[in-house]
């Protein structure tokens, strides 16, 4: 049986429509999921929406609707975004799902059984926007004298009865986790940040609210709802059937990677492992905190009027093109920037002019000059073997090794160098001239190129799944022979079927 692999995104807070940051994370997780499937892993990929908490309660009241109705409407936009961007999730987990309430309450009871929950009174600073509590030492002063969280969001002084989690008990276990398992939290800058935060001392965490009722009820205390982050983080277990001992729970937990934004690393790398330690549940193998995606170097905000609808970008430039740009342009883990000009420049230079042009001119030539079929050709020459080796190394070793590390731009750079080598080989071998002087040599050159194009299309399939499938269809590659293992298989015969442009050039003014 194939090795299991479980990947999750952070679940999105649906108090507004999806933005480009949501799309970026969903696409990155999808690339990983598709990549691991093509490596033969048994993948489970989960995303979803985080529908409880004070923000949703206040937004619903502002709109004059029930929170449940708002959650139903808004979650549908996130499902539509994932589907439109070819995000191949296996489970879309909504926290308003009744089974999620059961899972969250079971986790609560497990922590209570370990003596880690107690009732007290909370007085302190709370950010509604972050759904987070902050110590006074973490706050800064805004231009108008208001107190701001480390994320720049307003905080308010909150006083209410609350259940507390003994987070202070887990300071040393967390530091030991970071020391003994440095791969648990990546990239290294995030691990250093969380190590410093925990070393500074952990205070017990308020984990229930009584000022509103839109959330998961605390077992035995119906006037309390759980702090939204206990509820939200439990979704990763809910999707596997927890607390039942399901086959999915046994097979896929612990999760291989939680893919999240850097702004919520504390919740995933401090609170979440502490909750799991308390409940006696195995810890995630890795938490990866990626950077922000900036609009022309600026963080998007409604006040700046630069919030981008990812579906509008996909419609304008194409889904595969958007996916390619986001994975290629940004060093994953760092902040990156995008603009329509950058998307067009990257897409034209690499997809249209390089890979697309390679595919089009080779396959069209075979269709027109060889009747679409390449006959068995003479043995390859050194130059043929050298190109095939370079492409095979990029596709079967360099790109996969980089993708395993979530270093997408590094792997795609190796892939792009192989594309450039193929184009140089076409120019040097000039099959259009060989057709008149040495037809057999022409067929050998074209066979070599078809093998390389096949390898390139399979390797990049996690990023541009639709385009890759079209190219492999044109090469008549069987559907069951399109995995990374098949890169070791040399096809003796190629047949070209209905070649057509895959990556048209984009025009910024007309797109």
Protein backbone atom coordinates (compact mmCIF):
# COMPACT_ATOMS: atom_id res chain seq x y z
CA UNK A 1 0.00 0.00 0.00
CA UNK A 2 1.24 3.50 -0.84
CA UNK A 3 2.74 5.59 1.97
CA UNK A 4 0.21 8.05 3.41
CA UNK A 5 0.72 11.80 3.23
CA UNK A 6 -1.54 14.34 4.95
CA UNK A 7 -1.34 18.05 4.16
CA UNK A 8 -3.57 20.89 5.36
CA UNK A 9 -3.93 24.60 4.77
CA UNK A 10 -4.98 26.95 7.50
CA UNK A 11 -8.75 27.18 7.43
CA UNK A 12 -9.86 30.56 6.11
CA UNK A 13 -11.82 33.06 8.19
CA UNK A 14 -14.86 33.84 6.01
CA UNK A 15 -15.90 37.25 7.31
CA UNK A 16 -15.07 38.55 3.82
CA UNK A 17 -14.54 37.10 0.34
CA UNK A 18 -11.31 35.27 -0.56
CA UNK A 19 -8.26 37.38 -1.40
CA UNK A 20 -5.01 36.59 -3.18
CA UNK A 21 -3.38 35.37 0.05
CA UNK A 22 -6.00 32.66 0.41
CA UNK A 23 -5.41 31.62 -3.20
CA UNK A 24 -1.63 31.58 -2.75
CA UNK A 25 -1.77 29.19 0.19
CA UNK A 26 -4.38 26.94 -1.42
CA UNK A 27 -2.39 26.70 -4.66
CA UNK A 28 0.86 25.97 -2.82
CA UNK A 29 -0.79 23.19 -0.81
CA UNK A 30 -2.35 21.81 -3.98
CA UNK A 31 1.04 21.73 -5.70
CA UNK A 32 2.39 19.69 -2.79
CA UNK A 33 -0.61 17.35 -2.82
CA UNK A 34 -0.41 16.75 -6.58
CA UNK A 35 3.35 16.33 -6.40
CA UNK A 36 3.11 13.71 -3.66
CA UNK A 37 0.37 11.86 -5.57
CA UNK A 38 2.62 11.74 -8.63
CA UNK A 39 5.36 10.32 -6.40
CA UNK A 40 3.02 7.48 -5.52
CA UNK A 41 1.93 8.65 -2.06
CA UNK A 42 -1.59 8.11 -0.71
CA UNK A 43 -2.43 11.79 -0.20
CA UNK A 44 -5.11 13.37 1.92
CA UNK A 45 -5.46 17.12 1.42
CA UNK A 46 -7.72 19.20 3.65
CA UNK A 47 -8.74 22.84 3.61
CA UNK A 48 -11.83 24.62 4.94
CA UNK A 49 -13.32 27.58 6.77
CA UNK A 50 -13.06 28.79 10.37
CA UNK A 51 -16.60 30.05 10.97
CA UNK A 52 -16.87 30.81 14.70
CA UNK A 53 -15.58 33.61 16.88
CA UNK A 54 -16.30 37.22 17.72
CA UNK A 55 -15.38 38.58 14.26
CA UNK A 56 -18.06 36.47 12.57
CA UNK A 57 -20.56 37.28 15.32
CA UNK A 58 -19.98 41.04 14.91
CA UNK A 59 -20.00 40.89 11.10
CA UNK A 60 -23.32 39.04 11.08
CA UNK A 61 -24.83 41.55 13.50
CA UNK A 62 -23.57 44.41 11.32
CA UNK A 63 -25.28 42.84 8.27
CA UNK A 64 -28.46 42.00 10.16
CA UNK A 65 -28.20 38.23 9.57
CA UNK A 66 -27.65 35.17 11.72
CA UNK A 67 -24.00 34.03 12.03
CA UNK A 68 -24.93 30.62 10.61
CA UNK A 69 -26.41 32.22 7.50
CA UNK A 70 -23.32 34.38 7.01
CA UNK A 71 -21.07 31.34 7.43
CA UNK A 72 -23.08 29.35 4.89
CA UNK A 73 -22.88 32.11 2.29
CA UNK A 74 -19.24 33.04 2.80
CA UNK A 75 -17.89 29.50 2.95
CA UNK A 76 -19.40 28.87 -0.48
CA UNK A 77 -17.11 31.58 -1.92
CA UNK A 78 -14.05 29.77 -0.60
CA UNK A 79 -15.24 26.46 -2.03
CA UNK A 80 -15.79 28.19 -5.37
CA UNK A 81 -12.29 29.69 -5.24
CA UNK A 82 -10.69 26.31 -4.61
CA UNK A 83 -12.65 24.65 -7.39
CA UNK A 84 -11.92 27.45 -9.87
CA UNK A 85 -8.17 27.28 -9.15
CA UNK A 86 -8.04 23.47 -9.55
CA UNK A 87 -7.29 22.92 -5.87
CA UNK A 88 -7.70 19.16 -5.48
CA UNK A 89 -8.75 18.99 -1.83
CA UNK A 90 -10.11 15.71 -0.44
CA UNK A 91 -12.06 17.33 2.37
CA UNK A 92 -13.37 20.86 2.88
CA UNK A 93 -13.88 21.12 6.63
CA UNK A 94 -16.29 23.72 7.99
CA UNK A 95 -16.14 24.36 11.74
CA UNK A 96 -19.92 24.81 11.92
CA UNK A 97 -20.24 21.13 11.00
CA UNK A 98 -21.85 19.27 13.97
CA UNK A 99 -19.17 16.58 13.88
CA UNK A 100 -16.57 19.30 14.38
CA UNK A 101 -18.32 20.38 17.59
CA UNK A 102 -18.04 16.78 18.80
CA UNK A 103 -14.32 16.68 17.98
CA UNK A 104 -13.58 20.01 19.66
CA UNK A 105 -15.43 18.98 22.82
CA UNK A 106 -13.56 15.67 22.87
CA UNK A 107 -10.22 17.49 22.69
CA UNK A 108 -11.37 19.82 25.48
CA UNK A 109 -12.32 16.86 27.67
CA UNK A 110 -8.98 15.17 27.03
CA UNK A 111 -7.13 18.32 28.15
CA UNK A 112 -9.41 18.63 31.18
CA UNK A 113 -8.73 15.00 32.11
CA UNK A 114 -5.03 15.84 32.13
CA UNK A 115 -5.64 18.63 34.66
CA UNK A 116 -4.82 21.43 32.22
CA UNK A 117 -8.06 23.46 32.38
CA UNK A 118 -9.28 25.62 35.26
CA UNK A 119 -11.92 28.35 35.74
CA UNK A 120 -10.80 31.89 36.59
CA UNK A 121 -11.31 35.52 35.59
CA UNK A 122 -9.64 37.03 32.51
CA UNK A 123 -8.50 40.63 32.42
CA UNK A 124 -6.33 41.67 29.51
CA UNK A 125 -5.89 42.87 25.96
CA UNK A 126 -7.77 41.12 23.16
CA UNK A 127 -7.71 41.71 19.39
CA UNK A 128 -11.04 40.89 17.78
CA UNK A 129 -9.47 40.91 14.31
CA UNK A 130 -6.70 38.46 15.28
CA UNK A 131 -8.93 36.50 17.70
CA UNK A 132 -5.88 36.61 19.97
CA UNK A 133 -4.85 37.67 23.48
CA UNK A 134 -1.74 39.81 23.89
CA UNK A 135 0.47 40.75 26.80
CA UNK A 136 0.96 44.45 27.47
CA UNK A 137 4.66 44.11 26.54
CA UNK A 138 3.71 43.04 23.01
CA UNK A 139 1.62 46.12 22.24
CA UNK A 140 2.56 49.32 20.46
CA UNK A 141 0.91 52.72 20.29
CA UNK A 142 -0.93 53.88 17.16
CA UNK A 143 -0.95 57.38 15.71
CA UNK A 144 -4.09 58.24 17.64
CA UNK A 145 -2.76 56.84 20.91
CA UNK A 146 -4.68 53.55 20.61
CA UNK A 147 -3.01 50.27 21.62
CA UNK A 148 -2.11 47.95 18.75
CA UNK A 149 -1.21 44.27 18.57
CA UNK A 150 2.05 43.02 16.96
CA UNK A 151 -0.01 42.64 13.76
CA UNK A 152 -1.04 46.32 13.90
CA UNK A 153 -4.65 45.51 14.80
CA UNK A 154 -6.59 47.35 17.55
CA UNK A 155 -6.93 45.67 20.94
CA UNK A 156 -9.53 46.18 23.65
CA UNK A 157 -9.41 45.57 27.39
CA UNK A 158 -11.52 42.53 28.18
CA UNK A 159 -12.81 41.35 31.54
CA UNK A 160 -14.88 38.16 31.89
CA UNK A 161 -15.05 34.75 33.52
CA UNK A 162 -13.00 32.30 31.51
CA UNK A 163 -11.58 28.83 31.43
CA UNK A 164 -7.80 28.79 31.26
CA UNK A 165 -5.37 26.30 29.70
CA UNK A 166 -2.15 25.67 31.62
CA UNK A 167 0.10 26.77 28.76
CA UNK A 168 2.87 27.64 31.24
CA UNK A 169 3.23 23.92 31.97
CA UNK A 170 4.40 23.33 28.39
CA UNK A 171 7.21 25.88 28.12
CA UNK A 172 10.04 23.39 28.50
CA UNK A 173 8.38 20.62 26.44
CA UNK A 174 7.95 23.11 23.59
CA UNK A 175 11.56 24.28 23.77
CA UNK A 176 12.65 20.66 23.81
CA UNK A 177 10.51 20.04 20.71
CA UNK A 178 12.20 22.90 18.85
CA UNK A 179 15.68 21.77 19.93
CA UNK A 180 15.29 18.06 19.22
CA UNK A 181 13.20 18.38 16.06
CA UNK A 182 14.31 21.49 14.15
CA UNK A 183 12.28 20.36 11.14
CA UNK A 184 9.06 20.72 13.14
CA UNK A 185 8.84 24.45 12.36
CA UNK A 186 10.10 25.91 9.10
CA UNK A 187 11.57 28.06 7.77
CA UNK A 188 14.33 28.60 10.33
CA UNK A 189 13.36 32.24 10.90
CA UNK A 190 9.95 31.14 12.20
CA UNK A 191 11.54 28.61 14.54
CA UNK A 192 13.91 31.24 15.92
CA UNK A 193 10.99 33.61 16.46
CA UNK A 194 8.90 31.04 18.33
CA UNK A 195 11.87 29.86 20.38
CA UNK A 196 12.43 33.42 21.56
CA UNK A 197 8.71 33.84 22.33
CA UNK A 198 8.55 30.67 24.44
CA UNK A 199 11.87 31.36 26.19
CA UNK A 200 10.48 34.74 27.30
CA UNK A 201 7.93 32.81 29.39
CA UNK A 202 4.44 31.44 28.76
CA UNK A 203 1.35 32.58 30.64
CA UNK A 204 -1.73 30.42 30.95
CA UNK A 205 -4.14 30.99 28.09
CA UNK A 206 -7.78 32.10 28.33
CA UNK A 207 -9.71 29.51 26.31
CA UNK A 208 -13.40 30.37 26.67
CA UNK A 209 -15.69 33.37 26.20
CA UNK A 210 -19.05 34.30 27.71
CA UNK A 211 -19.72 37.59 25.87
CA UNK A 212 -21.19 35.85 22.79
CA UNK A 213 -22.54 32.42 21.93
CA UNK A 214 -21.43 31.78 18.32
CA UNK A 215 -19.03 28.90 18.80
CA UNK A 216 -18.54 25.45 20.29
CA UNK A 217 -20.02 25.11 23.76
CA UNK A 218 -17.69 24.15 26.58
CA UNK A 219 -18.78 20.69 27.85
CA UNK A 220 -20.94 21.12 30.94
CA UNK A 221 -20.79 24.93 30.79
CA UNK A 222 -23.29 26.06 28.15
CA UNK A 223 -22.76 29.76 28.94
CA UNK A 224 -19.14 29.40 27.73
CA UNK A 225 -17.99 28.95 24.13
CA UNK A 226 -14.49 27.80 23.31
CA UNK A 227 -11.76 30.23 22.36
CA UNK A 228 -11.89 30.14 18.58
CA UNK A 229 -8.34 28.81 18.19
CA UNK A 230 -9.05 25.59 20.11
CA UNK A 231 -12.07 25.14 17.88
CA UNK A 232 -10.22 26.12 14.69
CA UNK A 233 -7.12 23.99 15.21
CA UNK A 234 -9.18 20.90 15.98
CA UNK A 235 -10.40 20.89 12.36
CA UNK A 236 -7.26 19.02 11.35
CA UNK A 237 -8.46 16.11 13.51
CA UNK A 238 -12.15 16.48 12.70
CA UNK A 239 -11.52 15.73 9.04
CA UNK A 240 -10.08 12.33 9.97
CA UNK A 241 -13.02 11.36 12.19
CA UNK A 242 -11.59 12.19 15.63
CA UNK A 243 -12.43 11.29 18.37
CA UNK A 244 -13.47 7.99 16.80
CA UNK A 245 -10.67 5.54 16.05
CA UNK A 246 -11.31 5.71 12.32
CA UNK A 247 -9.13 4.13 9.62
CA UNK A 248 -8.38 7.67 8.40
CA UNK A 249 -7.18 8.76 11.84
CA UNK A 250 -4.94 5.71 12.11
CA UNK A 251 -3.58 6.13 8.59
CA UNK A 252 -3.04 9.87 8.17
CA UNK A 253 -2.29 11.26 11.63
CA UNK A 254 0.14 12.75 12.49
CA UNK A 255 -0.18 15.27 9.68
CA UNK A 256 2.90 15.63 7.46
CA UNK A 257 2.64 19.39 7.09
CA UNK A 258 0.40 22.24 8.20
CA UNK A 259 0.87 24.92 5.53
CA UNK A 260 0.03 28.30 7.09
CA UNK A 261 0.74 32.03 6.87
CA UNK A 262 3.50 33.48 9.03
CA UNK A 263 1.00 35.59 10.99
CA UNK A 264 -0.56 32.54 12.65
CA UNK A 265 2.62 30.58 13.44
CA UNK A 266 2.19 31.14 17.20
CA UNK A 267 -1.16 29.36 17.22
CA UNK A 268 0.17 26.39 15.24
CA UNK A 269 3.65 26.05 16.73
CA UNK A 270 2.99 26.99 20.39
CA UNK A 271 -0.68 26.56 21.29
CA UNK A 272 -1.49 23.60 19.02
CA UNK A 273 1.37 21.29 20.06
CA UNK A 274 0.68 22.19 23.69
CA UNK A 275 -3.00 21.24 23.30
CA UNK A 276 -2.00 17.97 21.62
CA UNK A 277 0.60 17.14 24.27
CA UNK A 278 -2.06 17.71 26.92
CA UNK A 279 -4.57 15.50 25.09
CA UNK A 280 -2.02 12.74 24.48
CA UNK A 281 -2.19 13.07 20.68
CA UNK A 282 0.84 12.77 18.39
CA UNK A 283 2.30 16.08 17.20
CA UNK A 284 2.37 17.27 13.58
CA UNK A 285 5.52 16.37 11.69
CA UNK A 286 5.94 19.89 10.37
CA UNK A 287 4.46 23.38 10.48
CA UNK A 288 5.54 25.62 7.58
CA UNK A 289 4.87 29.35 7.85
CA UNK A 290 4.99 30.95 4.41
CA UNK A 291 5.35 34.68 3.77
CA UNK A 292 2.88 37.30 2.62
CA UNK A 293 2.03 37.99 -1.01
CA UNK A 294 2.25 41.72 -1.60
CA UNK A 295 0.50 43.79 -4.26
CA UNK A 296 3.28 45.78 -5.97
CA UNK A 297 5.23 45.54 -2.73
CA UNK A 298 2.34 46.63 -0.50
CA UNK A 299 0.21 44.51 1.80
CA UNK A 300 -3.36 44.49 0.53
CA UNK A 301 -6.00 46.35 2.50
CA UNK A 302 -9.45 47.77 1.87
CA UNK A 303 -8.29 51.23 2.93
CA UNK A 304 -5.61 51.27 0.22
CA UNK A 305 -8.10 49.98 -2.34
CA UNK A 306 -5.67 47.33 -3.57
CA UNK A 307 -7.47 44.11 -2.58
CA UNK A 308 -7.30 41.64 -5.46
CA UNK A 309 -9.92 39.04 -6.36
CA UNK A 310 -7.89 35.91 -7.21
CA UNK A 311 -10.61 34.63 -9.53
CA UNK A 312 -10.44 37.85 -11.54
CA UNK A 313 -6.68 37.32 -11.94
CA UNK A 314 -7.24 33.71 -12.98
CA UNK A 315 -9.87 34.72 -15.51
CA UNK A 316 -7.64 37.43 -16.91
CA UNK A 317 -4.42 35.43 -17.23
CA UNK A 318 -5.49 31.78 -16.98
CA UNK A 319 -5.53 29.43 -13.99
CA UNK A 320 -2.36 27.53 -14.91
CA UNK A 321 -0.52 30.77 -15.66
CA UNK A 322 -1.46 32.24 -12.26
CA UNK A 323 -0.45 29.03 -10.49
CA UNK A 324 2.89 28.98 -12.33
CA UNK A 325 3.65 32.61 -11.57
CA UNK A 326 2.92 32.34 -7.84
CA UNK A 327 5.08 29.25 -7.37
CA UNK A 328 7.90 30.48 -9.63
CA UNK A 329 8.12 34.15 -8.66
CA UNK A 330 8.23 33.92 -4.87
CA UNK A 331 10.80 32.12 -2.72
CA UNK A 332 8.39 30.07 -0.63
CA UNK A 333 8.69 31.05 3.02
CA UNK A 334 9.60 34.65 2.23
CA UNK A 335 7.38 37.59 1.35
CA UNK A 336 6.88 38.12 -2.36
CA UNK A 337 5.23 40.60 -4.69
CA UNK A 338 3.01 40.37 -7.73
CA UNK A 339 1.57 42.69 -10.34
CA UNK A 340 -0.17 42.20 -13.68
CA UNK A 341 3.02 43.36 -15.41
CA UNK A 342 5.10 40.76 -13.57
CA UNK A 343 2.63 37.98 -14.39
CA UNK A 344 2.64 38.86 -18.10
CA UNK A 345 6.44 39.17 -18.24
CA UNK A 346 7.04 35.83 -16.52
CA UNK A 347 4.34 33.99 -18.45
CA UNK A 348 5.50 35.25 -21.84
CA UNK A 349 9.20 34.68 -21.22
CA UNK A 350 8.94 31.19 -19.75
CA UNK A 351 5.61 29.62 -20.62
CA UNK A 352 4.86 31.10 -24.06
CA UNK A 353 8.29 31.83 -25.54
CA UNK A 354 10.23 28.95 -23.96
CA UNK A 355 8.21 25.87 -22.98
CA UNK A 356 5.13 26.59 -25.09
CA UNK A 357 7.21 27.44 -28.14
CA UNK A 358 9.28 24.27 -27.69
CA UNK A 359 6.18 22.10 -27.56
CA UNK A 360 4.45 23.84 -30.42
CA UNK A 361 7.27 23.87 -32.93
CA UNK A 362 8.39 20.30 -32.25
CA UNK A 363 4.97 18.67 -32.21
CA UNK A 364 3.64 20.70 -35.14
CA UNK A 365 6.72 19.77 -37.18
CA UNK A 366 6.17 16.07 -36.42
CA UNK A 367 2.49 16.33 -37.36
CA UNK A 368 3.21 18.09 -40.65
CA UNK A 369 6.44 16.43 -41.77
CA UNK A 370 6.22 12.94 -40.26
CA UNK A 371 2.50 12.22 -40.41
CA UNK A 372 2.35 12.51 -36.62
CA UNK A 373 4.32 9.30 -36.06
CA UNK A 374 8.02 8.79 -35.36
CA UNK A 375 9.45 5.52 -36.63
CA UNK A 376 12.13 3.63 -34.70
CA UNK A 377 15.21 5.80 -35.15
CA UNK A 378 18.94 5.05 -35.14
CA UNK A 379 20.95 4.99 -31.93
CA UNK A 380 21.35 8.36 -30.22
CA UNK A 381 24.53 10.37 -30.47
CA UNK A 382 26.38 11.85 -27.50
CA UNK A 383 24.56 15.17 -27.84
CA UNK A 384 21.20 13.42 -27.71
CA UNK A 385 22.16 11.47 -24.61
CA UNK A 386 23.57 14.58 -22.97
CA UNK A 387 20.31 16.49 -23.43
CA UNK A 388 18.16 13.57 -22.31
CA UNK A 389 20.32 13.18 -19.19
CA UNK A 390 20.13 16.89 -18.35
CA UNK A 391 16.35 16.93 -18.70
CA UNK A 392 15.89 13.66 -16.81
CA UNK A 393 18.08 14.92 -13.96
CA UNK A 394 16.11 18.17 -13.70
CA UNK A 395 12.73 16.42 -13.84
CA UNK A 396 13.39 13.26 -11.83
CA UNK A 397 15.91 14.53 -9.27
CA UNK A 398 16.37 18.30 -8.97
CA UNK A 399 12.75 19.42 -9.13
CA UNK A 400 11.42 16.62 -6.88
CA UNK A 401 14.18 17.16 -4.31
CA UNK A 402 13.34 20.87 -4.18
CA UNK A 403 9.58 20.30 -4.02
CA UNK A 404 10.06 17.90 -1.10
CA UNK A 405 11.62 20.87 0.75
CA UNK A 406 8.80 23.16 -0.45
CA UNK A 407 11.45 25.10 -2.40
CA UNK A 408 9.18 25.50 -5.42
CA UNK A 409 11.08 28.31 -7.16
CA UNK A 410 14.35 26.35 -6.87
CA UNK A 411 12.84 23.24 -8.46
CA UNK A 412 11.18 25.27 -11.19
CA UNK A 413 14.45 27.01 -11.97
CA UNK A 414 16.09 23.63 -12.59
CA UNK A 415 13.12 22.71 -14.79
CA UNK A 416 13.42 25.98 -16.71
CA UNK A 417 17.12 25.40 -17.38
CA UNK A 418 16.16 22.06 -18.93
CA UNK A 419 13.61 23.84 -21.15
CA UNK A 420 16.30 26.29 -22.29
CA UNK A 421 18.62 23.37 -23.09
CA UNK A 422 15.93 21.77 -25.25
CA UNK A 423 15.40 24.96 -27.22
CA UNK A 424 19.14 25.33 -27.76
CA UNK A 425 19.27 21.70 -28.98
CA UNK A 426 16.46 22.37 -31.47
CA UNK A 427 18.32 25.37 -32.87
CA UNK A 428 21.60 23.48 -33.10
CA UNK A 429 20.18 20.30 -34.66
CA UNK A 430 17.80 22.13 -37.03
CA UNK A 431 15.45 19.23 -37.83
CA UNK A 432 13.90 21.26 -40.65
CA UNK A 433 17.28 21.14 -42.42
CA UNK A 434 17.85 17.48 -41.55
CA UNK A 435 14.58 16.61 -43.25
CA UNK A 436 16.32 17.24 -46.58
CA UNK A 437 19.82 15.99 -45.75
CA UNK A 438 19.40 13.16 -43.22
CA UNK A 439 15.78 12.07 -42.51
CA UNK A 440 16.88 9.29 -40.15
CA UNK A 441 18.91 11.71 -38.06
CA UNK A 442 15.91 14.06 -38.06
CA UNK A 443 13.74 11.34 -36.54
CA UNK A 444 16.36 10.64 -33.87
CA UNK A 445 16.44 14.33 -32.94
CA UNK A 446 12.65 14.52 -32.81
CA UNK A 447 12.42 11.33 -30.75
CA UNK A 448 14.90 12.78 -28.26
CA UNK A 449 12.87 15.97 -28.05
CA UNK A 450 9.58 14.13 -27.57
CA UNK A 451 11.09 12.20 -24.67
CA UNK A 452 12.30 15.45 -23.12
CA UNK A 453 8.94 17.17 -23.60
CA UNK A 454 7.22 14.18 -22.00
CA UNK A 455 9.55 14.43 -18.99
CA UNK A 456 9.10 18.20 -18.70
CA UNK A 457 5.31 17.93 -18.86
CA UNK A 458 5.16 15.25 -16.17
CA UNK A 459 7.55 17.12 -13.86
CA UNK A 460 5.64 20.41 -13.98
CA UNK A 461 2.18 18.80 -13.78
CA UNK A 462 1.64 19.67 -10.08
CA UNK A 463 1.96 23.36 -10.97
CA UNK A 464 0.14 23.51 -14.33
CA UNK A 465 -2.07 20.40 -14.28
CA UNK A 466 -4.36 21.32 -17.19
CA UNK A 467 -1.59 22.36 -19.57
CA UNK A 468 0.53 19.35 -18.64
CA UNK A 469 -2.37 17.00 -19.34
CA UNK A 470 -2.97 18.61 -22.74
CA UNK A 471 0.69 18.21 -23.73
CA UNK A 472 0.77 14.57 -22.65
CA UNK A 473 -2.47 13.99 -24.56
CA UNK A 474 -0.85 15.46 -27.67
CA UNK A 475 2.05 13.04 -27.20
CA UNK A 476 -0.43 10.18 -26.75
CA UNK A 477 1.15 9.26 -23.41
CA UNK A 478 -1.16 6.79 -21.62
CA UNK A 479 -2.96 8.34 -18.64
CA UNK A 480 -1.57 5.64 -16.34
CA UNK A 481 2.02 6.47 -17.35
CA UNK A 482 2.24 10.07 -16.14
CA UNK A 483 3.87 9.77 -12.70
CA UNK A 484 7.39 10.53 -11.53
CA UNK A 485 8.16 6.81 -11.59
CA UNK A 486 7.37 6.85 -15.31
CA UNK A 487 10.22 9.28 -15.90
CA UNK A 488 12.47 6.23 -15.77
CA UNK A 489 10.52 4.67 -18.64
CA UNK A 490 11.81 5.42 -22.14
CA UNK A 491 9.02 5.32 -24.70
CA UNK A 492 10.17 3.66 -27.93
CA UNK A 493 7.50 5.25 -30.08
CA UNK A 494 5.73 8.60 -30.07
CA UNK A 495 2.57 9.59 -31.85
CA UNK A 496 1.52 13.22 -32.03
CA UNK A 497 -2.21 13.91 -31.85
CA UNK A 498 -3.78 17.29 -32.73
CA UNK A 499 -0.95 19.61 -31.67
CA UNK A 500 -2.17 23.05 -30.59
CA UNK A 501 -0.71 26.02 -28.70
CA UNK A 502 -0.84 25.51 -24.93
CA UNK A 503 0.52 28.80 -23.60
CA UNK A 504 -0.53 31.74 -25.79
CA UNK A 505 1.32 35.00 -25.32
CA UNK A 506 -0.38 37.46 -23.00
CA UNK A 507 -0.96 41.12 -23.80
CA UNK A 508 -1.21 43.36 -20.77
CA UNK A 509 -3.54 45.84 -22.47
CA UNK A 510 -5.87 43.28 -24.01
CA UNK A 511 -5.84 40.55 -21.36
